[in-house]
């Protein structure tokens, strides 16, 4: 219970920095999804700021950085465990 209250408090203070607990659908365009290896390759996707989306991939080998750039993604940060942060601008609804 305390954790829920604490999370709600911080979400109210910093709404663009606290990720939703439920994955939000429709954050990524079809071109971006294709560059990430398709919708079936996504374990999760979360908006982590007004301009960023964090995705976790099933298979990181299907990830195509060049195709992401061509799809309009400004920046990409690849982390271990198939986690990728995408800087996609205000399109991250």
N, C-alpha and C. Protein backbone atom coordinates (compact mmCIF):
# COMPACT_ATOMS: atom_id res chain seq x y z
N UNK A 1 0.82 -1.19 0.00
CA UNK A 1 0.00 0.00 0.00
C UNK A 1 0.87 1.26 0.00
N UNK A 2 1.90 1.25 0.87
CA UNK A 2 2.79 2.41 0.93
C UNK A 2 3.48 2.64 -0.41
N UNK A 3 3.87 1.56 -1.06
CA UNK A 3 4.55 1.68 -2.36
C UNK A 3 3.64 2.34 -3.39
N UNK A 4 2.35 2.00 -3.40
CA UNK A 4 1.40 2.61 -4.34
C UNK A 4 1.26 4.11 -4.07
N UNK A 5 1.18 4.48 -2.80
CA UNK A 5 1.08 5.89 -2.45
C UNK A 5 2.33 6.66 -2.85
N UNK A 6 3.48 6.05 -2.59
CA UNK A 6 4.75 6.67 -2.93
C UNK A 6 4.85 6.86 -4.45
N UNK A 7 4.47 5.84 -5.21
CA UNK A 7 4.53 5.91 -6.67
C UNK A 7 3.58 7.00 -7.19
N UNK A 8 2.37 7.07 -6.63
CA UNK A 8 1.41 8.10 -7.04
C UNK A 8 1.94 9.49 -6.73
N UNK A 9 2.59 9.65 -5.59
CA UNK A 9 3.17 10.93 -5.20
C UNK A 9 4.22 11.38 -6.22
N UNK A 10 5.17 10.49 -6.54
CA UNK A 10 6.23 10.84 -7.48
C UNK A 10 5.70 11.01 -8.89
N UNK A 11 4.68 10.25 -9.27
CA UNK A 11 4.06 10.39 -10.59
C UNK A 11 3.44 11.77 -10.72
N UNK A 12 2.82 12.27 -9.64
CA UNK A 12 2.21 13.59 -9.66
C UNK A 12 3.27 14.68 -9.79
N UNK A 13 4.42 14.49 -9.16
CA UNK A 13 5.49 15.48 -9.22
C UNK A 13 6.24 15.47 -10.55
N UNK A 14 6.46 14.28 -11.09
CA UNK A 14 7.25 14.12 -12.31
C UNK A 14 6.54 13.19 -13.29
N UNK A 15 5.43 13.61 -13.89
CA UNK A 15 4.65 12.71 -14.73
C UNK A 15 5.40 12.18 -15.95
N UNK A 16 6.40 12.90 -16.45
CA UNK A 16 7.12 12.44 -17.63
C UNK A 16 8.30 11.53 -17.30
N UNK A 17 8.62 11.34 -16.03
CA UNK A 17 9.77 10.54 -15.65
C UNK A 17 9.41 9.19 -15.04
N UNK A 18 8.20 9.02 -14.58
CA UNK A 18 7.78 7.78 -13.95
C UNK A 18 7.00 6.96 -14.97
N UNK A 19 7.51 5.78 -15.28
CA UNK A 19 6.87 4.93 -16.29
C UNK A 19 5.57 4.35 -15.75
N UNK A 20 4.62 4.17 -16.64
CA UNK A 20 3.36 3.53 -16.28
C UNK A 20 3.64 2.07 -15.95
N UNK A 21 2.88 1.51 -15.03
CA UNK A 21 3.09 0.11 -14.66
C UNK A 21 2.52 -0.82 -15.73
N UNK A 22 1.51 -0.38 -16.45
CA UNK A 22 0.92 -1.18 -17.51
C UNK A 22 1.53 -0.73 -18.83
N UNK A 23 2.07 -1.66 -19.64
CA UNK A 23 2.64 -1.26 -20.92
C UNK A 23 1.60 -0.56 -21.79
N UNK A 24 1.98 0.55 -22.36
CA UNK A 24 1.08 1.33 -23.20
C UNK A 24 1.23 0.87 -24.64
N UNK A 25 0.13 0.56 -25.28
CA UNK A 25 0.14 0.11 -26.67
C UNK A 25 0.13 1.32 -27.60
N UNK A 26 0.66 1.16 -28.79
CA UNK A 26 0.59 2.19 -29.79
C UNK A 26 1.61 3.31 -29.65
N UNK A 27 2.68 3.08 -28.92
CA UNK A 27 3.70 4.11 -28.78
C UNK A 27 4.59 4.21 -30.00
N UNK A 28 4.71 3.14 -30.75
CA UNK A 28 5.68 3.08 -31.83
C UNK A 28 5.00 2.93 -33.18
N UNK A 29 5.55 3.60 -34.18
CA UNK A 29 5.02 3.49 -35.54
C UNK A 29 5.37 2.13 -36.14
N UNK A 30 4.74 1.81 -37.24
CA UNK A 30 4.99 0.53 -37.91
C UNK A 30 6.44 0.42 -38.37
N UNK A 31 7.03 1.53 -38.85
CA UNK A 31 8.43 1.50 -39.30
C UNK A 31 9.38 1.22 -38.14
N UNK A 32 9.11 1.83 -37.00
CA UNK A 32 9.96 1.61 -35.83
C UNK A 32 9.81 0.17 -35.33
N UNK A 33 8.58 -0.33 -35.29
CA UNK A 33 8.37 -1.72 -34.89
C UNK A 33 9.11 -2.69 -35.80
N UNK A 34 9.07 -2.42 -37.09
CA UNK A 34 9.77 -3.26 -38.05
C UNK A 34 11.28 -3.25 -37.80
N UNK A 35 11.83 -2.07 -37.51
CA UNK A 35 13.26 -1.95 -37.24
C UNK A 35 13.67 -2.64 -35.94
N UNK A 36 12.72 -2.81 -35.04
CA UNK A 36 13.00 -3.51 -33.79
C UNK A 36 12.80 -5.02 -33.91
N UNK A 37 12.45 -5.48 -35.08
CA UNK A 37 12.28 -6.92 -35.29
C UNK A 37 10.83 -7.35 -35.29
N UNK A 38 9.91 -6.41 -35.35
CA UNK A 38 8.49 -6.73 -35.38
C UNK A 38 7.86 -6.70 -33.99
N UNK A 39 6.54 -6.63 -33.97
CA UNK A 39 5.81 -6.54 -32.71
C UNK A 39 6.02 -7.79 -31.85
N UNK A 40 6.22 -8.94 -32.48
CA UNK A 40 6.43 -10.18 -31.72
C UNK A 40 7.77 -10.20 -31.00
N UNK A 41 8.69 -9.33 -31.40
CA UNK A 41 10.01 -9.28 -30.78
C UNK A 41 10.03 -8.41 -29.52
N UNK A 42 8.93 -7.71 -29.22
CA UNK A 42 8.88 -6.83 -28.06
C UNK A 42 8.38 -7.58 -26.83
N UNK A 43 9.16 -7.53 -25.76
CA UNK A 43 8.68 -8.04 -24.47
C UNK A 43 7.84 -6.97 -23.79
N UNK A 44 8.31 -5.71 -23.85
CA UNK A 44 7.59 -4.60 -23.24
C UNK A 44 7.98 -3.31 -23.91
N UNK A 45 7.11 -2.31 -23.73
CA UNK A 45 7.40 -0.96 -24.19
C UNK A 45 6.79 0.01 -23.18
N UNK A 46 7.57 1.02 -22.81
CA UNK A 46 7.13 1.99 -21.83
C UNK A 46 7.58 3.38 -22.22
N UNK A 47 6.72 4.33 -22.01
CA UNK A 47 7.13 5.73 -22.15
C UNK A 47 7.86 6.08 -20.85
N UNK A 48 9.09 6.58 -20.95
CA UNK A 48 9.85 6.92 -19.75
C UNK A 48 10.07 8.42 -19.63
N UNK A 49 9.71 9.17 -20.62
CA UNK A 49 9.76 10.63 -20.59
C UNK A 49 8.91 11.12 -21.76
N UNK A 50 8.77 12.41 -21.88
CA UNK A 50 7.94 12.95 -22.96
C UNK A 50 8.47 12.59 -24.34
N UNK A 51 9.77 12.38 -24.43
CA UNK A 51 10.36 12.14 -25.75
C UNK A 51 11.05 10.78 -25.88
N UNK A 52 10.94 9.93 -24.85
CA UNK A 52 11.67 8.65 -24.89
C UNK A 52 10.76 7.47 -24.62
N UNK A 53 11.10 6.35 -25.27
CA UNK A 53 10.41 5.09 -25.07
C UNK A 53 11.46 4.02 -24.78
N UNK A 54 11.18 3.21 -23.77
CA UNK A 54 12.06 2.09 -23.41
C UNK A 54 11.38 0.82 -23.88
N UNK A 55 12.11 0.01 -24.64
CA UNK A 55 11.58 -1.28 -25.09
C UNK A 55 12.53 -2.38 -24.64
N UNK A 56 11.96 -3.55 -24.39
CA UNK A 56 12.77 -4.72 -24.11
C UNK A 56 12.47 -5.74 -25.20
N UNK A 57 13.52 -6.23 -25.83
CA UNK A 57 13.39 -7.11 -26.98
C UNK A 57 13.55 -8.57 -26.58
N UNK A 58 12.82 -9.45 -27.27
CA UNK A 58 12.98 -10.89 -27.09
C UNK A 58 14.35 -11.32 -27.63
N UNK A 59 14.67 -10.84 -28.85
CA UNK A 59 15.92 -11.21 -29.53
C UNK A 59 16.60 -9.93 -30.00
N UNK A 60 17.68 -9.54 -29.33
CA UNK A 60 18.39 -8.31 -29.67
C UNK A 60 19.07 -8.37 -31.03
N UNK A 61 19.26 -9.56 -31.58
CA UNK A 61 19.90 -9.70 -32.90
C UNK A 61 19.01 -9.18 -34.03
N UNK A 62 17.71 -9.09 -33.82
CA UNK A 62 16.78 -8.61 -34.85
C UNK A 62 16.73 -7.09 -34.92
N UNK A 63 17.39 -6.41 -34.01
CA UNK A 63 17.42 -4.96 -33.92
C UNK A 63 18.24 -4.36 -35.06
N UNK A 64 17.71 -3.35 -35.77
CA UNK A 64 18.39 -2.72 -36.90
C UNK A 64 18.48 -1.20 -36.66
N UNK A 65 19.65 -0.74 -36.22
CA UNK A 65 19.85 0.68 -35.89
C UNK A 65 19.68 1.59 -37.11
N UNK A 66 20.17 1.15 -38.27
CA UNK A 66 20.06 1.96 -39.48
C UNK A 66 18.59 2.16 -39.87
N UNK A 67 17.79 1.12 -39.74
CA UNK A 67 16.37 1.23 -40.07
C UNK A 67 15.64 2.14 -39.08
N UNK A 68 16.08 2.13 -37.82
CA UNK A 68 15.48 3.03 -36.84
C UNK A 68 15.75 4.49 -37.20
N UNK A 69 16.98 4.77 -37.60
CA UNK A 69 17.34 6.13 -38.00
C UNK A 69 16.52 6.56 -39.22
N UNK A 70 16.35 5.64 -40.18
CA UNK A 70 15.55 5.93 -41.36
C UNK A 70 14.07 6.14 -41.01
N UNK A 71 13.61 5.52 -39.91
CA UNK A 71 12.22 5.66 -39.48
C UNK A 71 11.99 6.94 -38.68
N UNK A 72 13.06 7.71 -38.44
CA UNK A 72 12.91 8.99 -37.77
C UNK A 72 13.28 9.01 -36.30
N UNK A 73 13.89 7.94 -35.81
CA UNK A 73 14.32 7.91 -34.41
C UNK A 73 15.61 8.72 -34.30
N UNK A 74 15.61 9.74 -33.43
CA UNK A 74 16.76 10.64 -33.31
C UNK A 74 17.95 10.02 -32.63
N UNK A 75 17.69 9.20 -31.63
CA UNK A 75 18.78 8.60 -30.88
C UNK A 75 18.39 7.25 -30.33
N UNK A 76 19.40 6.39 -30.17
CA UNK A 76 19.19 5.03 -29.67
C UNK A 76 20.26 4.72 -28.66
N UNK A 77 19.85 4.18 -27.51
CA UNK A 77 20.81 3.70 -26.52
C UNK A 77 20.51 2.23 -26.27
N UNK A 78 21.46 1.37 -26.60
CA UNK A 78 21.29 -0.06 -26.43
C UNK A 78 21.95 -0.48 -25.12
N UNK A 79 21.19 -1.13 -24.26
CA UNK A 79 21.68 -1.62 -22.98
C UNK A 79 21.71 -3.14 -23.00
N UNK A 80 22.24 -3.72 -21.95
CA UNK A 80 22.29 -5.18 -21.87
C UNK A 80 20.89 -5.75 -21.64
N UNK A 81 20.73 -7.01 -21.94
CA UNK A 81 19.46 -7.69 -21.71
C UNK A 81 18.39 -7.36 -22.72
N UNK A 82 18.77 -6.85 -23.88
CA UNK A 82 17.79 -6.53 -24.91
C UNK A 82 17.00 -5.26 -24.66
N UNK A 83 17.48 -4.40 -23.78
CA UNK A 83 16.80 -3.15 -23.47
C UNK A 83 17.32 -2.05 -24.40
N UNK A 84 16.39 -1.32 -25.01
CA UNK A 84 16.75 -0.25 -25.93
C UNK A 84 15.94 0.99 -25.56
N UNK A 85 16.61 2.13 -25.44
CA UNK A 85 15.94 3.40 -25.22
C UNK A 85 15.92 4.16 -26.55
N UNK A 86 14.75 4.63 -26.93
CA UNK A 86 14.57 5.33 -28.20
C UNK A 86 14.21 6.78 -27.93
N UNK A 87 14.93 7.69 -28.54
CA UNK A 87 14.61 9.11 -28.47
C UNK A 87 13.80 9.43 -29.73
N UNK A 88 12.49 9.54 -29.55
CA UNK A 88 11.63 9.67 -30.72
C UNK A 88 10.88 11.00 -30.78
N UNK A 89 11.18 11.90 -29.87
CA UNK A 89 10.53 13.21 -29.90
C UNK A 89 9.15 13.16 -29.28
N UNK A 90 8.34 14.13 -29.60
CA UNK A 90 7.03 14.23 -28.99
C UNK A 90 6.04 13.21 -29.55
N UNK A 91 6.46 12.37 -30.48
CA UNK A 91 5.61 11.30 -30.98
C UNK A 91 5.41 10.23 -29.90
N UNK A 92 6.22 10.25 -28.84
CA UNK A 92 6.05 9.31 -27.73
C UNK A 92 4.88 9.79 -26.89
N UNK A 93 3.70 9.42 -27.30
CA UNK A 93 2.46 9.94 -26.70
C UNK A 93 2.35 9.56 -25.26
